[in-house]
Amino acid sequence: MHDRGGMQLLKACVMYYRRDFTPGGTYFFTVVTSERRPLLAGPGAVEILRGSFRTVMADYPFRIDAIVVLPDHLHTIWTLPEGDADYPFRWNRIKGRFTEVLSARIRPIWQNRYWEHRIRDDADFNHHVSYIHWNPVKHGLAQTPEEWAYSSYRFR
């Protein structure tokens, strides 16, 4: 005899992550620090993160369409090269390079998972770009998107 109630509970507790892997796709991501610690606060941490992005992009290209870095998380939109859908590898390398620099001081740095959403059309793209640029205002870190230094807003 099977324990159907126990099996249903087990299924409810197991989280299934279904990722979209569309080659050449455009994706919105949210990546969060461990325990939402403000590890990305300040120019030093942001410069390390920029260097991590640059290093990975040199070997595994992609385009950053929008980005904002806040003290405990970041949002970004990437467009991958035609025929390429391997954003998990890129995130692994970016997070890994950043961690190498800070690992002597702090561990863990990142939450294990991240949020991903494939952009469907122009309206979806524009909505997510606006969300990214207004996020510092939403969190009370700036009065306007222009005031936040760690954003692609000024480069749009």
N, C-alpha and C. Protein backbone atom coordinates (compact mmCIF):
# COMPACT_ATOMS: atom_id res chain seq x y z
N MET A 1 0.84 -1.18 0.00
CA MET A 1 0.00 0.00 0.00
C MET A 1 0.89 1.25 0.00
N HIS A 2 0.53 2.21 -0.81
CA HIS A 2 1.31 3.44 -0.92
C HIS A 2 0.76 4.52 -0.01
N ASP A 3 1.65 5.32 0.53
CA ASP A 3 1.27 6.46 1.37
C ASP A 3 1.07 7.67 0.47
N ARG A 4 -0.13 7.81 -0.06
CA ARG A 4 -0.40 8.89 -1.01
C ARG A 4 -0.28 10.27 -0.39
N GLY A 5 -0.69 10.42 0.86
CA GLY A 5 -0.59 11.73 1.52
C GLY A 5 0.85 12.16 1.69
N GLY A 6 1.71 11.23 2.09
CA GLY A 6 3.13 11.53 2.24
C GLY A 6 3.78 11.88 0.93
N MET A 7 3.41 11.16 -0.14
CA MET A 7 3.97 11.43 -1.47
C MET A 7 3.53 12.80 -1.97
N GLN A 8 2.26 13.15 -1.72
CA GLN A 8 1.79 14.47 -2.14
C GLN A 8 2.54 15.57 -1.39
N LEU A 9 2.77 15.35 -0.11
CA LEU A 9 3.53 16.33 0.68
C LEU A 9 4.95 16.46 0.15
N LEU A 10 5.58 15.32 -0.17
CA LEU A 10 6.93 15.36 -0.72
C LEU A 10 6.95 16.13 -2.04
N LYS A 11 5.99 15.87 -2.90
CA LYS A 11 5.93 16.59 -4.18
C LYS A 11 5.73 18.07 -3.97
N ALA A 12 4.92 18.44 -2.97
CA ALA A 12 4.67 19.85 -2.69
C ALA A 12 5.92 20.54 -2.16
N CYS A 13 6.78 19.81 -1.45
CA CYS A 13 7.97 20.40 -0.85
C CYS A 13 9.14 20.48 -1.82
N VAL A 14 9.16 19.65 -2.84
CA VAL A 14 10.25 19.65 -3.80
C VAL A 14 10.00 20.76 -4.81
N MET A 15 10.99 21.64 -4.98
CA MET A 15 10.85 22.73 -5.94
C MET A 15 11.49 22.31 -7.26
N TYR A 16 10.75 22.48 -8.31
CA TYR A 16 11.25 22.18 -9.63
C TYR A 16 11.55 23.48 -10.35
N TYR A 17 12.78 23.63 -10.81
CA TYR A 17 13.17 24.83 -11.52
C TYR A 17 13.16 24.52 -13.00
N ARG A 18 12.24 25.13 -13.70
CA ARG A 18 12.14 24.95 -15.13
C ARG A 18 12.68 26.21 -15.79
N ARG A 19 13.77 26.08 -16.46
CA ARG A 19 14.42 27.21 -17.10
C ARG A 19 14.09 27.21 -18.59
N ASP A 20 14.05 28.39 -19.14
CA ASP A 20 13.84 28.57 -20.57
C ASP A 20 15.21 28.70 -21.23
N PHE A 21 15.48 27.87 -22.20
CA PHE A 21 16.75 27.92 -22.92
C PHE A 21 16.49 28.17 -24.39
N THR A 22 16.24 29.43 -24.73
CA THR A 22 16.01 29.82 -26.11
C THR A 22 17.31 30.39 -26.67
N PRO A 23 17.92 29.69 -27.63
CA PRO A 23 19.17 30.21 -28.21
C PRO A 23 18.99 31.62 -28.75
N GLY A 24 19.93 32.50 -28.41
CA GLY A 24 19.87 33.89 -28.86
C GLY A 24 18.81 34.70 -28.14
N GLY A 25 18.26 34.17 -27.07
CA GLY A 25 17.18 34.83 -26.35
C GLY A 25 17.64 36.04 -25.55
N THR A 26 16.66 36.84 -25.17
CA THR A 26 16.87 37.98 -24.29
C THR A 26 16.22 37.64 -22.96
N TYR A 27 16.97 37.79 -21.87
CA TYR A 27 16.53 37.34 -20.55
C TYR A 27 16.67 38.44 -19.51
N PHE A 28 15.70 38.48 -18.61
CA PHE A 28 15.74 39.31 -17.41
C PHE A 28 16.18 38.41 -16.26
N PHE A 29 17.12 38.88 -15.44
CA PHE A 29 17.62 38.12 -14.30
C PHE A 29 17.57 38.96 -13.03
N THR A 30 17.33 38.29 -11.92
CA THR A 30 17.53 38.85 -10.60
C THR A 30 18.48 37.91 -9.87
N VAL A 31 19.57 38.46 -9.36
CA VAL A 31 20.57 37.69 -8.63
C VAL A 31 20.72 38.37 -7.26
N VAL A 32 20.66 37.56 -6.19
CA VAL A 32 20.60 38.09 -4.83
C VAL A 32 21.79 37.57 -4.02
N THR A 33 22.31 38.41 -3.14
CA THR A 33 23.38 37.98 -2.25
C THR A 33 22.82 37.06 -1.18
N SER A 34 23.69 36.26 -0.59
CA SER A 34 23.30 35.34 0.48
C SER A 34 22.74 36.14 1.66
N GLU A 35 21.58 35.71 2.13
CA GLU A 35 20.92 36.35 3.27
C GLU A 35 20.67 37.84 3.04
N ARG A 36 20.67 38.23 1.79
CA ARG A 36 20.46 39.64 1.40
C ARG A 36 21.41 40.60 2.12
N ARG A 37 22.63 40.12 2.35
CA ARG A 37 23.64 41.00 2.94
C ARG A 37 24.05 42.05 1.90
N PRO A 38 24.35 43.27 2.32
CA PRO A 38 24.69 44.35 1.38
C PRO A 38 26.13 44.24 0.86
N LEU A 39 26.44 43.12 0.24
CA LEU A 39 27.81 42.86 -0.22
C LEU A 39 28.16 43.61 -1.51
N LEU A 40 27.16 44.17 -2.17
CA LEU A 40 27.41 44.90 -3.41
C LEU A 40 27.40 46.41 -3.20
N ALA A 41 27.36 46.83 -1.95
CA ALA A 41 27.33 48.26 -1.64
C ALA A 41 28.71 48.87 -1.87
N GLY A 42 28.72 49.98 -2.50
CA GLY A 42 29.96 50.74 -2.66
C GLY A 42 30.70 50.48 -3.94
N PRO A 43 31.53 51.46 -4.31
CA PRO A 43 32.24 51.39 -5.59
C PRO A 43 33.23 50.24 -5.70
N GLY A 44 33.84 49.83 -4.60
CA GLY A 44 34.81 48.73 -4.67
C GLY A 44 34.16 47.43 -5.11
N ALA A 45 33.04 47.09 -4.48
CA ALA A 45 32.32 45.86 -4.83
C ALA A 45 31.77 45.92 -6.25
N VAL A 46 31.26 47.08 -6.63
CA VAL A 46 30.71 47.23 -7.98
C VAL A 46 31.82 47.09 -9.02
N GLU A 47 33.00 47.63 -8.73
CA GLU A 47 34.12 47.50 -9.67
C GLU A 47 34.56 46.04 -9.81
N ILE A 48 34.57 45.30 -8.71
CA ILE A 48 34.89 43.87 -8.77
C ILE A 48 33.85 43.15 -9.63
N LEU A 49 32.59 43.48 -9.43
CA LEU A 49 31.52 42.86 -10.22
C LEU A 49 31.67 43.20 -11.70
N ARG A 50 31.96 44.47 -12.00
CA ARG A 50 32.19 44.87 -13.40
C ARG A 50 33.34 44.08 -14.02
N GLY A 51 34.42 43.93 -13.26
CA GLY A 51 35.55 43.15 -13.76
C GLY A 51 35.16 41.70 -14.02
N SER A 52 34.33 41.14 -13.15
CA SER A 52 33.87 39.76 -13.34
C SER A 52 33.05 39.65 -14.63
N PHE A 53 32.16 40.61 -14.85
CA PHE A 53 31.38 40.63 -16.09
C PHE A 53 32.31 40.73 -17.30
N ARG A 54 33.25 41.69 -17.27
CA ARG A 54 34.15 41.90 -18.41
C ARG A 54 34.95 40.64 -18.74
N THR A 55 35.48 39.99 -17.71
CA THR A 55 36.28 38.79 -17.93
C THR A 55 35.46 37.69 -18.59
N VAL A 56 34.26 37.45 -18.09
CA VAL A 56 33.42 36.40 -18.65
C VAL A 56 32.96 36.77 -20.06
N MET A 57 32.59 38.03 -20.26
CA MET A 57 32.10 38.46 -21.58
C MET A 57 33.20 38.36 -22.65
N ALA A 58 34.44 38.47 -22.25
CA ALA A 58 35.54 38.36 -23.22
C ALA A 58 35.59 36.97 -23.83
N ASP A 59 35.31 35.95 -23.04
CA ASP A 59 35.35 34.56 -23.52
C ASP A 59 33.99 34.03 -23.94
N TYR A 60 32.93 34.53 -23.33
CA TYR A 60 31.57 34.04 -23.58
C TYR A 60 30.66 35.25 -23.79
N PRO A 61 30.68 35.83 -24.98
CA PRO A 61 30.01 37.11 -25.21
C PRO A 61 28.50 37.07 -24.99
N PHE A 62 27.99 38.20 -24.61
CA PHE A 62 26.56 38.49 -24.55
C PHE A 62 26.43 39.99 -24.42
N ARG A 63 25.25 40.50 -24.69
CA ARG A 63 25.02 41.95 -24.60
C ARG A 63 24.22 42.24 -23.33
N ILE A 64 24.64 43.25 -22.59
CA ILE A 64 23.87 43.72 -21.45
C ILE A 64 22.99 44.86 -21.96
N ASP A 65 21.69 44.63 -21.95
CA ASP A 65 20.74 45.64 -22.44
C ASP A 65 20.35 46.63 -21.35
N ALA A 66 20.37 46.19 -20.09
CA ALA A 66 20.08 47.05 -18.95
C ALA A 66 20.61 46.35 -17.70
N ILE A 67 20.99 47.16 -16.71
CA ILE A 67 21.47 46.58 -15.45
C ILE A 67 21.35 47.62 -14.34
N VAL A 68 21.11 47.12 -13.13
CA VAL A 68 21.19 47.93 -11.93
C VAL A 68 21.78 47.04 -10.84
N VAL A 69 22.70 47.62 -10.08
CA VAL A 69 23.31 46.90 -8.95
C VAL A 69 22.92 47.65 -7.68
N LEU A 70 22.23 46.94 -6.78
CA LEU A 70 21.83 47.47 -5.50
C LEU A 70 22.67 46.77 -4.42
N PRO A 71 22.61 47.24 -3.18
CA PRO A 71 23.48 46.66 -2.16
C PRO A 71 23.36 45.14 -1.97
N ASP A 72 22.16 44.58 -2.15
CA ASP A 72 21.98 43.16 -1.88
C ASP A 72 21.47 42.34 -3.07
N HIS A 73 21.31 42.95 -4.22
CA HIS A 73 20.87 42.22 -5.40
C HIS A 73 21.13 43.03 -6.66
N LEU A 74 21.00 42.37 -7.78
CA LEU A 74 21.09 43.08 -9.05
C LEU A 74 20.03 42.54 -10.00
N HIS A 75 19.64 43.39 -10.93
CA HIS A 75 18.73 43.03 -12.02
C HIS A 75 19.45 43.35 -13.31
N THR A 76 19.27 42.51 -14.29
CA THR A 76 19.89 42.77 -15.59
C THR A 76 19.11 42.10 -16.71
N ILE A 77 19.25 42.64 -17.90
CA ILE A 77 18.72 42.01 -19.11
C ILE A 77 19.89 41.74 -20.02
N TRP A 78 19.99 40.49 -20.46
CA TRP A 78 21.03 40.06 -21.39
C TRP A 78 20.40 39.58 -22.67
N THR A 79 21.12 39.79 -23.78
CA THR A 79 20.80 39.13 -25.04
C THR A 79 21.98 38.25 -25.39
N LEU A 80 21.69 36.98 -25.58
CA LEU A 80 22.74 36.00 -25.89
C LEU A 80 22.98 35.94 -27.39
N PRO A 81 24.16 35.48 -27.79
CA PRO A 81 24.47 35.35 -29.22
C PRO A 81 23.54 34.33 -29.89
N GLU A 82 23.34 34.52 -31.16
CA GLU A 82 22.51 33.59 -31.93
C GLU A 82 23.03 32.16 -31.75
N GLY A 83 22.14 31.24 -31.48
CA GLY A 83 22.50 29.84 -31.32
C GLY A 83 23.02 29.48 -29.94
N ASP A 84 23.07 30.42 -29.02
CA ASP A 84 23.64 30.19 -27.69
C ASP A 84 22.56 30.45 -26.63
N ALA A 85 22.38 29.49 -25.72
CA ALA A 85 21.40 29.63 -24.64
C ALA A 85 22.02 29.38 -23.27
N ASP A 86 23.34 29.37 -23.19
CA ASP A 86 24.01 28.95 -21.96
C ASP A 86 24.27 30.10 -20.98
N TYR A 87 23.20 30.73 -20.52
CA TYR A 87 23.37 31.76 -19.50
C TYR A 87 23.73 31.17 -18.13
N PRO A 88 23.31 29.92 -17.78
CA PRO A 88 23.73 29.40 -16.47
C PRO A 88 25.25 29.32 -16.32
N PHE A 89 25.94 28.93 -17.38
CA PHE A 89 27.40 28.87 -17.33
C PHE A 89 27.99 30.25 -17.10
N ARG A 90 27.46 31.24 -17.79
CA ARG A 90 27.95 32.61 -17.64
C ARG A 90 27.74 33.10 -16.20
N TRP A 91 26.54 32.87 -15.65
CA TRP A 91 26.29 33.29 -14.26
C TRP A 91 27.23 32.57 -13.30
N ASN A 92 27.46 31.30 -13.53
CA ASN A 92 28.37 30.54 -12.69
C ASN A 92 29.76 31.17 -12.70
N ARG A 93 30.23 31.55 -13.87
CA ARG A 93 31.57 32.16 -13.98
C ARG A 93 31.61 33.55 -13.36
N ILE A 94 30.59 34.37 -13.61
CA ILE A 94 30.56 35.72 -13.05
C ILE A 94 30.53 35.66 -11.53
N LYS A 95 29.62 34.87 -10.99
CA LYS A 95 29.52 34.74 -9.53
C LYS A 95 30.80 34.14 -8.95
N GLY A 96 31.37 33.19 -9.66
CA GLY A 96 32.61 32.56 -9.20
C GLY A 96 33.78 33.52 -9.15
N ARG A 97 33.95 34.34 -10.19
CA ARG A 97 35.06 35.31 -10.22
C ARG A 97 34.89 36.34 -9.10
N PHE A 98 33.67 36.82 -8.91
CA PHE A 98 33.41 37.79 -7.85
C PHE A 98 33.74 37.16 -6.49
N THR A 99 33.32 35.92 -6.31
CA THR A 99 33.56 35.21 -5.05
C THR A 99 35.05 35.01 -4.79
N GLU A 100 35.82 34.73 -5.83
CA GLU A 100 37.27 34.54 -5.67
C GLU A 100 37.91 35.74 -4.99
N VAL A 101 37.48 36.92 -5.36
CA VAL A 101 38.08 38.14 -4.81
C VAL A 101 37.65 38.36 -3.36
N LEU A 102 36.38 38.09 -3.05
CA LEU A 102 35.88 38.36 -1.71
C LEU A 102 35.90 37.15 -0.78
N SER A 103 36.25 35.99 -1.29
CA SER A 103 36.11 34.76 -0.50
C SER A 103 36.97 34.73 0.76
N ALA A 104 38.06 35.45 0.77
CA ALA A 104 38.91 35.46 1.97
C ALA A 104 38.19 36.15 3.13
N ARG A 105 37.24 36.99 2.82
CA ARG A 105 36.57 37.77 3.86
C ARG A 105 35.17 37.26 4.20
N ILE A 106 34.42 36.84 3.19
CA ILE A 106 33.00 36.56 3.39
C ILE A 106 32.61 35.30 2.61
N ARG A 107 31.81 34.45 3.23
CA ARG A 107 31.23 33.29 2.55
C ARG A 107 29.93 32.92 3.21
N PRO A 108 28.93 32.43 2.54
CA PRO A 108 28.76 32.48 1.09
C PRO A 108 28.39 33.88 0.64
N ILE A 109 28.58 34.14 -0.62
CA ILE A 109 28.29 35.46 -1.16
C ILE A 109 26.94 35.52 -1.86
N TRP A 110 26.61 34.49 -2.60
CA TRP A 110 25.40 34.50 -3.44
C TRP A 110 24.37 33.49 -2.96
N GLN A 111 23.10 33.81 -3.20
CA GLN A 111 22.06 32.78 -3.07
C GLN A 111 22.33 31.74 -4.14
N ASN A 112 21.96 30.50 -3.88
CA ASN A 112 22.21 29.43 -4.84
C ASN A 112 21.45 29.62 -6.15
N ARG A 113 20.26 30.10 -6.08
CA ARG A 113 19.41 30.23 -7.27
C ARG A 113 19.32 31.69 -7.69
N TYR A 114 18.77 31.89 -8.88
CA TYR A 114 18.48 33.23 -9.36
C TYR A 114 17.20 33.16 -10.16
N TRP A 115 16.58 34.32 -10.34
CA TRP A 115 15.35 34.42 -11.10
C TRP A 115 15.70 34.72 -12.55
N GLU A 116 15.04 34.01 -13.45
CA GLU A 116 15.23 34.21 -14.88
C GLU A 116 13.87 34.29 -15.56
N HIS A 117 13.75 35.18 -16.53
CA HIS A 117 12.53 35.33 -17.32
C HIS A 117 12.94 35.67 -18.74
N ARG A 118 12.49 34.87 -19.71
CA ARG A 118 12.80 35.21 -21.10
C ARG A 118 11.87 36.32 -21.55
N ILE A 119 12.46 37.35 -22.13
CA ILE A 119 11.70 38.48 -22.65
C ILE A 119 10.94 38.02 -23.90
N ARG A 120 9.65 38.30 -23.94
CA ARG A 120 8.78 37.78 -25.00
C ARG A 120 8.62 38.72 -26.20
N ASP A 121 8.59 40.03 -25.91
CA ASP A 121 8.33 40.98 -26.99
C ASP A 121 8.79 42.37 -26.55
N ASP A 122 8.58 43.37 -27.40
CA ASP A 122 9.03 44.73 -27.09
C ASP A 122 8.38 45.29 -25.82
N ALA A 123 7.09 45.03 -25.64
CA ALA A 123 6.40 45.54 -24.44
C ALA A 123 6.99 44.92 -23.18
N ASP A 124 7.27 43.63 -23.22
CA ASP A 124 7.88 42.94 -22.09
C ASP A 124 9.28 43.50 -21.82
N PHE A 125 10.05 43.72 -22.88
CA PHE A 125 11.38 44.30 -22.76
C PHE A 125 11.30 45.67 -22.10
N ASN A 126 10.45 46.53 -22.62
CA ASN A 126 10.33 47.90 -22.07
C ASN A 126 9.88 47.88 -20.62
N HIS A 127 8.97 46.99 -20.27
CA HIS A 127 8.50 46.86 -18.89
C HIS A 127 9.67 46.50 -17.96
N HIS A 128 10.48 45.53 -18.36
CA HIS A 128 11.58 45.08 -17.51
C HIS A 128 12.72 46.11 -17.44
N VAL A 129 12.98 46.81 -18.53
CA VAL A 129 13.98 47.89 -18.49
C VAL A 129 13.53 48.97 -17.50
N SER A 130 12.28 49.33 -17.56
CA SER A 130 11.75 50.34 -16.63
C SER A 130 11.85 49.82 -15.18
N TYR A 131 11.50 48.57 -14.97
CA TYR A 131 11.60 47.98 -13.64
C TYR A 131 13.04 48.06 -13.12
N ILE A 132 13.99 47.73 -13.96
CA ILE A 132 15.40 47.77 -13.58
C ILE A 132 15.80 49.19 -13.17
N HIS A 133 15.49 50.15 -14.02
CA HIS A 133 15.96 51.52 -13.78
C HIS A 133 15.26 52.19 -12.60
N TRP A 134 14.02 51.81 -12.31
CA TRP A 134 13.29 52.40 -11.19
C TRP A 134 13.50 51.65 -9.89
N ASN A 135 14.21 50.52 -9.90
CA ASN A 135 14.38 49.72 -8.70
C ASN A 135 15.07 50.46 -7.55
N PRO A 136 16.10 51.27 -7.79
CA PRO A 136 16.68 52.03 -6.66
C PRO A 136 15.68 52.99 -6.02
N VAL A 137 14.78 53.54 -6.81
CA VAL A 137 13.74 54.43 -6.27
C VAL A 137 12.77 53.61 -5.43
N LYS A 138 12.36 52.47 -5.95
CA LYS A 138 11.45 51.56 -5.24
C LYS A 138 12.00 51.20 -3.86
N HIS A 139 13.30 50.98 -3.78
CA HIS A 139 13.93 50.57 -2.52
C HIS A 139 14.38 51.76 -1.66
N GLY A 140 14.05 52.98 -2.07
CA GLY A 140 14.37 54.16 -1.28
C GLY A 140 15.84 54.55 -1.31
N LEU A 141 16.57 54.10 -2.32
CA LEU A 141 18.00 54.41 -2.42
C LEU A 141 18.27 55.66 -3.24
N ALA A 142 17.27 56.11 -3.98
CA ALA A 142 17.41 57.30 -4.82
C ALA A 142 16.02 57.91 -5.02
N GLN A 143 16.02 59.20 -5.35
CA GLN A 143 14.76 59.89 -5.64
C GLN A 143 14.32 59.66 -7.09
N THR A 144 15.32 59.53 -7.98
CA THR A 144 15.06 59.31 -9.40
C THR A 144 16.07 58.29 -9.93
N PRO A 145 15.78 57.65 -11.05
CA PRO A 145 16.74 56.70 -11.62
C PRO A 145 18.09 57.34 -11.94
N GLU A 146 18.08 58.61 -12.34
CA GLU A 146 19.33 59.30 -12.69
C GLU A 146 20.30 59.40 -11.52
N GLU A 147 19.78 59.43 -10.31
CA GLU A 147 20.61 59.60 -9.12
C GLU A 147 21.42 58.35 -8.76
N TRP A 148 21.00 57.18 -9.21
CA TRP A 148 21.67 55.95 -8.81
C TRP A 148 22.86 55.69 -9.71
N ALA A 149 24.04 55.65 -9.13
CA ALA A 149 25.28 55.54 -9.91
C ALA A 149 25.48 54.17 -10.56
N TYR A 150 24.90 53.13 -9.99
CA TYR A 150 25.19 51.77 -10.45
C TYR A 150 24.06 51.23 -11.31
N SER A 151 23.76 51.95 -12.38
CA SER A 151 22.66 51.63 -13.26
C SER A 151 23.01 51.99 -14.69
N SER A 152 22.41 51.29 -15.62
CA SER A 152 22.59 51.61 -17.03
C SER A 152 21.67 52.73 -17.49
N TYR A 153 20.89 53.30 -16.60
CA TYR A 153 19.91 54.32 -16.96
C TYR A 153 20.53 55.46 -17.77
N ARG A 154 21.67 55.93 -17.32
CA ARG A 154 22.31 57.08 -17.99
C ARG A 154 22.85 56.73 -19.38
N PHE A 155 22.96 55.45 -19.70
CA PHE A 155 23.55 55.02 -20.97
C PHE A 155 22.50 54.58 -21.99
N ARG A 156 21.24 54.74 -21.66
CA ARG A 156 20.19 54.27 -22.58
C ARG A 156 19.98 55.20 -23.74
